[in-house]
Amino acid sequence: MTTTTPPVQPAAAGQPPALGRRQVHAVAACYFVASFAALGLPPYLTEILPELGDETARWAGLLYVVPTVFGALGAPLWGRLADRFGRKRLLLRAQLGLALSFLLAGWADSLTAFTAALVLQGVLGGTFAASNGYLAAALEGPGLSRALTLMQGSARAALVFAPIVVGTLSPWLSPHRQYALLAVLPLAAAVMLCLLPEPGHAPKSATAERPDAPPAPGTPLKALYAFEFAFVFSTVISFPYLISLIEERIPGTAPAVSGVLFALPHLFYLLFAMRLHTRFVARPRQGIGLGFGFIALGLAGHGFADSLAAFTAVRVLLGAGLTLGLVCLSVLAADCAKGRAPGGMFGSLEFVSKSGAVAAGLAAAAGNSLFGPAAPLLTGTAVALGAACHIAFRFLFQGPVIRSPRTRWSR
């Protein structure tokens, strides 16, 4: 994924400089390496738990969401602390917290100890929200939205490549013990972050310099939270049982082929995210409406796909929706960050995002147990279609939304 980030902004007297291209790329690289264990090892819980006494891995589904639940609970607090005590300091804390929790998980010799380590991973982690808050303290507008788009690219890349690396290492080192090995990565990220400056203030806009100026058209924070929850719910709900659906529809499909089909939407993001950012940076609401539409079409298509070509087509459709949604959510988040304490705002946004993921996991499990692996896809279709229709209605019949003076939910 290619990207351009803004040049270094001149600093005001007595203030640290804003972040330049290399520094933004360094933050994204730190998040990528720190995410390897967090995103690459959970798919192997069914292999890890029998070593800890859970012979049938019946707790795998619950433990899969434990870090997400506790990460959601802790994100707003850590965000507010970052605004108070420094974004770099709290970002370092998140990386060191991940390293500690990974070491404990890799050394755990019982299911109880392993569960406690996953709880600590959620409570002490939060690297994504901390990284975004760090970036938002020094960038704004298109520069910030490009940086947030790059951060999502780091997450997609880790989601694609980390399970492959873990699987490749498995013949020599069990996934359980790989937790301890991969703790080196967030430690390395912490060392890299020590070389970065504490971010300065983002350049002030004309509106910010004139408190009496009327607010410009934009997105209320409540709308951003609603879009984020609906987007995460409608996409994540398709993840847990996709492999089962493929095996049911195309018996004998090789695991490698199923893995490629799973990764296709994320690969689409890596290829096209920055191009779509350029096209939709000035019209993010249209972009996110289109994104929800593509997600609805892609998920609905899964219900009828019965061949490799059909699954490939619907996964690409879903990838287009996922990419449009993530890119335009980054643009809307950058807009909402203007004039707000970034740590608190992105901490609250992370809480909403993780809440959507947890709700999607619970809905997927319930739908699969009652109606089979296609049921979660229908639920996601309904949510995405409802969101797309809502955005289309607001755009066609009510025109652009003018934000009233912001309610500071993040503070």
Protein backbone atom coordinates (compact mmCIF):
# COMPACT_ATOMS: atom_id res chain seq x y z
CA MET A 1 0.00 0.00 0.00
CA THR A 2 1.53 3.28 -1.07
CA THR A 3 0.95 6.44 0.87
CA THR A 4 1.95 10.03 1.17
CA THR A 5 1.97 11.87 4.42
CA PRO A 6 2.34 15.57 5.00
CA PRO A 7 5.76 17.16 5.38
CA VAL A 8 6.90 18.27 8.78
CA GLN A 9 5.01 21.34 9.91
CA PRO A 10 7.05 24.19 11.34
CA ALA A 11 6.78 24.27 15.08
CA ALA A 12 5.67 27.25 17.03
CA ALA A 13 8.20 28.71 19.43
CA GLY A 14 8.61 26.49 22.46
CA GLN A 15 6.55 23.62 21.01
CA PRO A 16 7.71 20.25 19.66
CA PRO A 17 7.48 19.84 15.88
CA ALA A 18 4.53 18.16 14.24
CA LEU A 19 5.15 14.67 12.88
CA GLY A 20 6.72 14.13 9.46
CA ARG A 21 6.37 11.27 7.00
CA ARG A 22 9.07 9.05 8.51
CA GLN A 23 7.68 9.47 12.00
CA VAL A 24 4.15 8.57 10.89
CA HIS A 25 5.50 5.49 9.10
CA ALA A 26 7.46 4.57 12.23
CA VAL A 27 4.31 4.68 14.38
CA ALA A 28 2.48 2.47 11.85
CA ALA A 29 5.42 0.04 11.75
CA CYS A 30 5.44 -0.17 15.55
CA TYR A 31 1.76 -1.04 15.56
CA PHE A 32 2.29 -3.67 12.86
CA VAL A 33 5.02 -5.55 14.71
CA ALA A 34 3.23 -5.27 18.07
CA SER A 35 0.03 -6.69 16.56
CA PHE A 36 1.58 -9.95 15.40
CA ALA A 37 0.85 -11.97 18.54
CA ALA A 38 -2.46 -10.22 19.26
CA LEU A 39 -3.83 -10.99 15.78
CA GLY A 40 -1.84 -14.05 14.73
CA LEU A 41 -2.22 -16.38 17.71
CA PRO A 42 -5.97 -16.33 18.60
CA PRO A 43 -6.88 -18.46 15.52
CA TYR A 44 -4.74 -21.21 17.12
CA LEU A 45 -6.57 -21.26 20.47
CA THR A 46 -8.06 -24.63 19.55
CA GLU A 47 -4.48 -25.99 19.52
CA ILE A 48 -3.31 -24.08 22.60
CA LEU A 49 -6.09 -24.96 25.04
CA PRO A 50 -5.65 -28.78 24.99
CA GLU A 51 -2.09 -28.20 26.29
CA LEU A 52 -3.64 -26.36 29.26
CA GLY A 53 -6.19 -29.02 30.18
CA ASP A 54 -9.16 -28.03 27.99
CA GLU A 55 -9.07 -31.16 25.83
CA THR A 56 -11.95 -30.15 23.53
CA ALA A 57 -11.06 -26.42 23.44
CA ARG A 58 -14.61 -25.60 24.49
CA TRP A 59 -13.49 -22.25 25.92
CA ALA A 60 -11.84 -21.11 22.69
CA GLY A 61 -14.76 -18.92 21.60
CA LEU A 62 -14.97 -17.14 24.95
CA LEU A 63 -11.22 -16.63 25.29
CA TYR A 64 -11.09 -15.27 21.74
CA VAL A 65 -13.03 -12.17 22.86
CA VAL A 66 -11.56 -11.76 26.36
CA PRO A 67 -8.81 -9.29 25.27
CA THR A 68 -11.36 -7.38 23.18
CA VAL A 69 -13.81 -7.03 26.08
CA PHE A 70 -11.23 -5.82 28.57
CA GLY A 71 -9.56 -3.65 25.93
CA ALA A 72 -12.89 -1.93 25.34
CA LEU A 73 -13.36 -1.30 29.05
CA GLY A 74 -9.90 0.18 29.50
CA ALA A 75 -9.60 2.25 26.29
CA PRO A 76 -11.47 5.43 27.42
CA LEU A 77 -9.48 5.62 30.67
CA TRP A 78 -6.11 5.17 28.98
CA GLY A 79 -7.09 7.78 26.39
CA ARG A 80 -7.90 10.37 29.03
CA LEU A 81 -4.66 9.59 30.87
CA ALA A 82 -2.75 10.11 27.61
CA ASP A 83 -4.25 13.59 27.26
CA ARG A 84 -3.19 14.37 30.82
CA PHE A 85 0.26 12.77 31.09
CA GLY A 86 1.50 12.63 27.48
CA ARG A 87 0.62 10.56 24.39
CA LYS A 88 4.12 9.15 23.87
CA ARG A 89 4.33 8.01 27.48
CA LEU A 90 1.00 6.19 27.31
CA LEU A 91 1.83 4.66 23.92
CA LEU A 92 5.02 3.25 25.42
CA ARG A 93 2.94 1.93 28.33
CA ALA A 94 0.66 0.10 25.89
CA GLN A 95 3.57 -1.58 24.10
CA LEU A 96 5.22 -2.65 27.35
CA GLY A 97 1.87 -3.88 28.66
CA LEU A 98 1.47 -6.09 25.58
CA ALA A 99 4.98 -7.49 26.02
CA LEU A 100 4.29 -8.37 29.67
CA SER A 101 0.95 -10.04 28.90
CA PHE A 102 2.46 -12.06 26.02
CA LEU A 103 5.27 -13.30 28.27
CA LEU A 104 2.77 -14.38 30.93
CA ALA A 105 0.59 -16.11 28.33
CA GLY A 106 3.58 -17.99 26.90
CA TRP A 107 4.72 -19.11 30.36
CA ALA A 108 1.21 -20.00 31.63
CA ASP A 109 0.88 -23.65 32.71
CA SER A 110 -2.85 -23.66 33.46
CA LEU A 111 -6.04 -22.44 31.85
CA THR A 112 -6.56 -19.98 34.72
CA ALA A 113 -3.12 -18.40 34.29
CA PHE A 114 -3.56 -18.22 30.52
CA THR A 115 -6.96 -16.53 30.92
CA ALA A 116 -5.48 -14.00 33.36
CA ALA A 117 -2.77 -13.19 30.81
CA LEU A 118 -5.43 -12.53 28.14
CA VAL A 119 -7.28 -10.24 30.56
CA LEU A 120 -4.04 -8.32 31.12
CA GLN A 121 -3.52 -8.14 27.34
CA GLY A 122 -6.84 -6.32 27.05
CA VAL A 123 -6.36 -4.08 30.08
CA LEU A 124 -2.72 -3.14 29.46
CA GLY A 125 -2.81 -3.07 25.64
CA GLY A 126 -4.73 -0.57 23.55
CA THR A 127 -1.89 0.18 21.13
CA PHE A 128 -4.22 1.11 18.26
CA ALA A 129 -6.11 3.83 20.14
CA ALA A 130 -2.86 5.05 21.74
CA SER A 131 -1.17 5.27 18.34
CA ASN A 132 -4.10 7.17 16.84
CA GLY A 133 -4.16 9.58 19.76
CA TYR A 134 -0.42 10.15 19.33
CA LEU A 135 -0.90 10.96 15.63
CA ALA A 136 -3.94 13.17 16.23
CA ALA A 137 -1.99 15.30 18.68
CA ALA A 138 0.24 16.52 15.83
CA LEU A 139 -1.82 16.17 12.64
CA GLU A 140 -5.28 17.21 11.51
CA GLY A 141 -7.53 17.15 8.45
CA PRO A 142 -6.37 15.18 5.38
CA GLY A 143 -2.93 14.63 6.91
CA LEU A 144 -4.45 12.92 9.93
CA SER A 145 -6.96 10.90 7.89
CA ARG A 146 -4.12 9.62 5.67
CA ALA A 147 -2.17 8.62 8.77
CA LEU A 148 -5.23 6.83 10.21
CA THR A 149 -5.72 5.06 6.88
CA LEU A 150 -2.09 3.92 7.04
CA MET A 151 -2.67 2.63 10.58
CA GLN A 152 -5.60 0.55 9.37
CA GLY A 153 -3.29 -0.79 6.66
CA SER A 154 -0.91 -1.94 9.39
CA ALA A 155 -3.78 -3.76 11.10
CA ARG A 156 -4.89 -5.41 7.83
CA ALA A 157 -1.33 -6.49 7.03
CA ALA A 158 -0.87 -8.03 10.48
CA LEU A 159 -4.23 -9.79 10.19
CA VAL A 160 -3.18 -11.31 6.85
CA PHE A 161 0.44 -12.25 7.53
CA ALA A 162 0.61 -12.99 11.26
CA PRO A 163 -1.39 -16.27 11.14
CA ILE A 164 0.81 -17.43 8.24
CA VAL A 165 3.99 -16.79 10.24
CA VAL A 166 2.57 -18.51 13.33
CA GLY A 167 1.57 -21.52 11.27
CA THR A 168 5.01 -21.68 9.67
CA LEU A 169 6.72 -21.67 13.08
CA SER A 170 4.35 -24.24 14.60
CA PRO A 171 6.33 -27.38 13.62
CA TRP A 172 9.28 -26.08 15.69
CA LEU A 173 7.52 -24.10 18.44
CA SER A 174 3.93 -24.57 19.62
CA PRO A 175 1.58 -21.59 19.24
CA HIS A 176 1.32 -21.47 23.04
CA ARG A 177 5.05 -20.89 23.49
CA GLN A 178 5.09 -18.47 20.56
CA TYR A 179 3.33 -15.96 22.82
CA ALA A 180 6.57 -15.66 24.82
CA LEU A 181 8.71 -15.48 21.69
CA LEU A 182 6.55 -12.80 20.04
CA ALA A 183 6.72 -10.65 23.19
CA VAL A 184 10.01 -9.46 21.68
CA LEU A 185 8.04 -7.55 19.02
CA PRO A 186 6.22 -5.02 21.27
CA LEU A 187 9.50 -4.59 23.17
CA ALA A 188 11.20 -3.72 19.88
CA ALA A 189 8.35 -1.35 19.08
CA ALA A 190 8.84 0.36 22.46
CA VAL A 191 12.53 0.90 21.68
CA MET A 192 11.61 2.43 18.30
CA LEU A 193 9.04 4.71 19.95
CA CYS A 194 11.64 6.01 22.41
CA LEU A 195 13.35 7.65 19.42
CA LEU A 196 10.21 9.57 18.43
CA PRO A 197 9.32 13.00 19.85
CA GLU A 198 6.40 13.86 22.04
CA PRO A 199 3.95 15.15 19.41
CA GLY A 200 3.37 18.86 19.12
CA HIS A 201 0.05 20.53 18.51
CA ALA A 202 -1.70 20.08 15.19
CA PRO A 203 -1.86 23.23 13.06
CA LYS A 204 -4.83 25.30 14.11
CA SER A 205 -7.58 25.84 11.60
CA ALA A 206 -9.13 29.22 10.98
CA THR A 207 -12.25 28.19 12.88
CA ALA A 208 -10.19 27.12 15.88
CA GLU A 209 -8.48 30.51 15.93
CA ARG A 210 -11.88 32.28 15.89
CA PRO A 211 -14.02 30.96 18.75
CA ASP A 212 -16.93 33.16 17.62
CA ALA A 213 -16.95 31.64 14.11
CA PRO A 214 -19.92 29.41 13.24
CA PRO A 215 -19.16 25.68 13.14
CA ALA A 216 -18.37 24.24 9.72
CA PRO A 217 -20.38 21.36 8.23
CA GLY A 218 -19.17 18.04 9.51
CA THR A 219 -19.95 14.89 11.43
CA PRO A 220 -21.21 14.91 15.02
CA LEU A 221 -19.32 12.59 17.32
CA LYS A 222 -22.46 10.53 18.01
CA ALA A 223 -22.81 9.85 14.27
CA LEU A 224 -19.18 8.70 14.07
CA TYR A 225 -19.76 6.30 16.96
CA ALA A 226 -22.93 4.93 15.34
CA PHE A 227 -21.18 4.40 11.98
CA GLU A 228 -18.23 2.73 13.72
CA PHE A 229 -20.42 0.30 15.68
CA ALA A 230 -22.53 -0.65 12.65
CA PHE A 231 -19.48 -1.05 10.44
CA VAL A 232 -17.52 -3.23 12.87
CA PHE A 233 -20.58 -5.35 13.66
CA SER A 234 -21.49 -5.99 10.01
CA THR A 235 -17.95 -6.93 8.97
CA VAL A 236 -16.68 -8.86 12.00
CA ILE A 237 -19.80 -11.02 12.18
CA SER A 238 -18.67 -12.71 8.95
CA PHE A 239 -15.25 -13.73 10.31
CA PRO A 240 -15.76 -16.60 12.82
CA TYR A 241 -17.63 -19.13 10.67
CA LEU A 242 -16.44 -18.32 7.15
CA ILE A 243 -14.16 -21.38 6.98
CA SER A 244 -17.03 -23.64 8.08
CA LEU A 245 -19.27 -22.14 5.40
CA ILE A 246 -16.66 -22.70 2.69
CA GLU A 247 -16.17 -26.32 3.76
CA GLU A 248 -19.93 -26.86 3.74
CA ARG A 249 -20.44 -25.33 0.27
CA ILE A 250 -17.22 -26.58 -1.38
CA PRO A 251 -16.22 -29.87 0.29
CA GLY A 252 -12.55 -30.72 0.06
CA THR A 253 -11.34 -27.13 -0.20
CA ALA A 254 -7.69 -26.93 0.85
CA PRO A 255 -7.01 -24.97 4.06
CA ALA A 256 -4.65 -22.68 2.14
CA VAL A 257 -7.42 -21.76 -0.31
CA SER A 258 -9.82 -21.05 2.56
CA GLY A 259 -7.17 -18.86 4.15
CA VAL A 260 -6.72 -16.85 0.95
CA LEU A 261 -10.49 -16.35 0.66
CA PHE A 262 -10.56 -15.15 4.28
CA ALA A 263 -7.73 -12.68 3.58
CA LEU A 264 -9.08 -11.27 0.29
CA PRO A 265 -10.97 -8.28 1.78
CA HIS A 266 -7.89 -7.26 3.77
CA LEU A 267 -5.65 -7.62 0.73
CA PHE A 268 -8.09 -5.40 -1.18
CA TYR A 269 -7.60 -2.74 1.49
CA LEU A 270 -3.81 -2.93 1.21
CA LEU A 271 -4.01 -2.46 -2.56
CA PHE A 272 -6.62 0.29 -2.88
CA ALA A 273 -7.02 2.17 0.43
CA MET A 274 -4.89 5.19 -0.41
CA ARG A 275 -6.40 5.58 -3.88
CA LEU A 276 -9.90 5.57 -2.38
CA HIS A 277 -8.78 8.04 0.30
CA THR A 278 -7.82 10.49 -2.45
CA ARG A 279 -11.20 10.09 -4.13
CA PHE A 280 -13.40 10.31 -1.02
CA VAL A 281 -11.50 12.60 1.35
CA ALA A 282 -13.90 15.45 0.46
CA ARG A 283 -17.08 13.31 0.54
CA PRO A 284 -16.70 10.70 3.29
CA ARG A 285 -20.44 10.30 3.93
CA GLN A 286 -21.03 9.21 0.34
CA GLY A 287 -18.09 6.85 0.62
CA ILE A 288 -19.26 5.21 3.82
CA GLY A 289 -22.78 4.88 2.40
CA LEU A 290 -21.34 3.09 -0.64
CA GLY A 291 -19.20 1.01 1.72
CA PHE A 292 -22.22 -0.23 3.65
CA GLY A 293 -23.94 -0.99 0.35
CA PHE A 294 -21.01 -3.12 -0.87
CA ILE A 295 -20.84 -4.88 2.51
CA ALA A 296 -24.55 -5.74 2.29
CA LEU A 297 -24.15 -7.06 -1.26
CA GLY A 298 -21.03 -9.04 -0.37
CA LEU A 299 -22.52 -10.63 2.75
CA ALA A 300 -25.78 -11.45 0.98
CA GLY A 301 -23.79 -13.04 -1.84
CA HIS A 302 -22.16 -15.42 0.64
CA GLY A 303 -25.58 -16.96 1.16
CA PHE A 304 -25.70 -18.10 -2.48
CA ALA A 305 -22.02 -18.73 -3.27
CA ASP A 306 -21.37 -22.40 -4.05
CA SER A 307 -18.13 -22.30 -6.09
CA LEU A 308 -14.62 -20.95 -5.75
CA ALA A 309 -15.30 -18.25 -8.36
CA ALA A 310 -18.48 -17.15 -6.57
CA PHE A 311 -16.76 -16.97 -3.18
CA THR A 312 -13.91 -14.98 -4.72
CA ALA A 313 -16.37 -12.49 -6.22
CA VAL A 314 -18.33 -11.93 -3.00
CA ARG A 315 -15.13 -11.64 -0.95
CA VAL A 316 -13.88 -8.92 -3.32
CA LEU A 317 -17.24 -7.13 -2.97
CA LEU A 318 -16.88 -7.32 0.79
CA GLY A 319 -13.32 -6.02 0.44
CA ALA A 320 -14.55 -2.99 -1.49
CA GLY A 321 -17.05 -2.24 1.26
CA LEU A 322 -14.54 -2.82 4.04
CA THR A 323 -12.00 -0.53 2.36
CA LEU A 324 -14.47 2.28 1.67
CA GLY A 325 -15.82 2.05 5.20
CA LEU A 326 -12.44 2.09 6.94
CA VAL A 327 -11.08 4.90 4.76
CA CYS A 328 -14.12 7.14 5.20
CA LEU A 329 -14.34 6.42 8.92
CA SER A 330 -10.73 7.65 9.15
CA VAL A 331 -11.72 10.86 7.36
CA LEU A 332 -14.72 11.36 9.67
CA ALA A 333 -12.59 10.63 12.75
CA ALA A 334 -10.01 13.19 11.65
CA ASP A 335 -12.80 15.73 11.26
CA CYS A 336 -14.21 14.96 14.70
CA ALA A 337 -10.76 15.20 16.31
CA LYS A 338 -10.51 18.93 15.56
CA GLY A 339 -10.74 20.85 18.80
CA ARG A 340 -10.95 17.73 20.98
CA ALA A 341 -8.49 15.99 23.28
CA PRO A 342 -7.38 13.19 20.93
CA GLY A 343 -6.59 10.57 23.56
CA GLY A 344 -10.06 10.67 25.07
CA MET A 345 -11.80 10.75 21.70
CA PHE A 346 -9.89 7.84 20.19
CA GLY A 347 -10.16 5.89 23.44
CA SER A 348 -13.94 6.26 23.33
CA LEU A 349 -13.96 5.35 19.62
CA GLU A 350 -11.96 2.22 20.43
CA PHE A 351 -14.51 1.32 23.10
CA VAL A 352 -17.31 1.59 20.53
CA SER A 353 -15.33 -0.41 17.97
CA LYS A 354 -14.52 -3.25 20.35
CA SER A 355 -18.10 -3.26 21.62
CA GLY A 356 -19.25 -3.80 18.04
CA ALA A 357 -16.77 -6.67 17.66
CA VAL A 358 -17.96 -8.34 20.86
CA ALA A 359 -21.61 -7.94 19.86
CA ALA A 360 -20.82 -9.38 16.44
CA GLY A 361 -19.07 -12.40 17.97
CA LEU A 362 -21.99 -13.12 20.27
CA ALA A 363 -24.51 -12.71 17.44
CA ALA A 364 -22.43 -14.94 15.16
CA ALA A 365 -22.23 -17.68 17.80
CA ALA A 366 -25.97 -17.53 18.48
CA GLY A 367 -26.91 -17.49 14.80
CA ASN A 368 -24.55 -20.33 13.93
CA SER A 369 -25.81 -22.56 16.74
CA LEU A 370 -29.46 -21.98 15.81
CA PHE A 371 -29.45 -21.79 12.02
CA GLY A 372 -25.98 -22.70 10.71
CA PRO A 373 -22.94 -20.78 9.40
CA ALA A 374 -24.96 -18.71 6.90
CA ALA A 375 -27.07 -17.06 9.62
CA PRO A 376 -24.41 -14.56 10.82
CA LEU A 377 -23.99 -13.36 7.24
CA LEU A 378 -27.70 -12.59 6.96
CA THR A 379 -27.58 -10.65 10.24
CA GLY A 380 -24.62 -8.62 8.99
CA THR A 381 -26.44 -7.98 5.71
CA ALA A 382 -29.44 -6.57 7.55
CA VAL A 383 -27.30 -4.22 9.66
CA ALA A 384 -25.22 -3.00 6.70
CA LEU A 385 -28.30 -2.51 4.52
CA GLY A 386 -30.04 -0.57 7.28
CA ALA A 387 -27.01 1.71 7.70
CA ALA A 388 -26.74 2.27 3.94
CA CYS A 389 -30.44 3.16 3.70
CA HIS A 390 -30.18 5.54 6.66
CA ILE A 391 -27.23 7.39 5.11
CA ALA A 392 -28.95 7.54 1.71
CA PHE A 393 -32.14 8.93 3.31
CA ARG A 394 -30.24 11.62 5.19
CA PHE A 395 -28.28 12.58 2.07
CA LEU A 396 -31.27 12.66 -0.32
CA PHE A 397 -33.93 14.23 1.88
CA GLN A 398 -32.16 16.20 4.60
CA GLY A 399 -29.00 17.39 2.85
CA PRO A 400 -25.61 17.82 4.54
CA VAL A 401 -25.64 17.63 8.31
CA ILE A 402 -24.52 20.82 10.04
CA ARG A 403 -22.95 20.01 13.36
CA SER A 404 -24.10 21.90 16.36
CA PRO A 405 -21.56 22.88 19.01
CA ARG A 406 -19.88 19.61 19.89
CA THR A 407 -20.89 17.60 22.90
CA ARG A 408 -17.58 16.47 24.34
CA TRP A 409 -18.39 12.81 24.87
CA SER A 410 -14.72 11.95 25.04
CA ARG A 411 -13.89 14.15 27.94
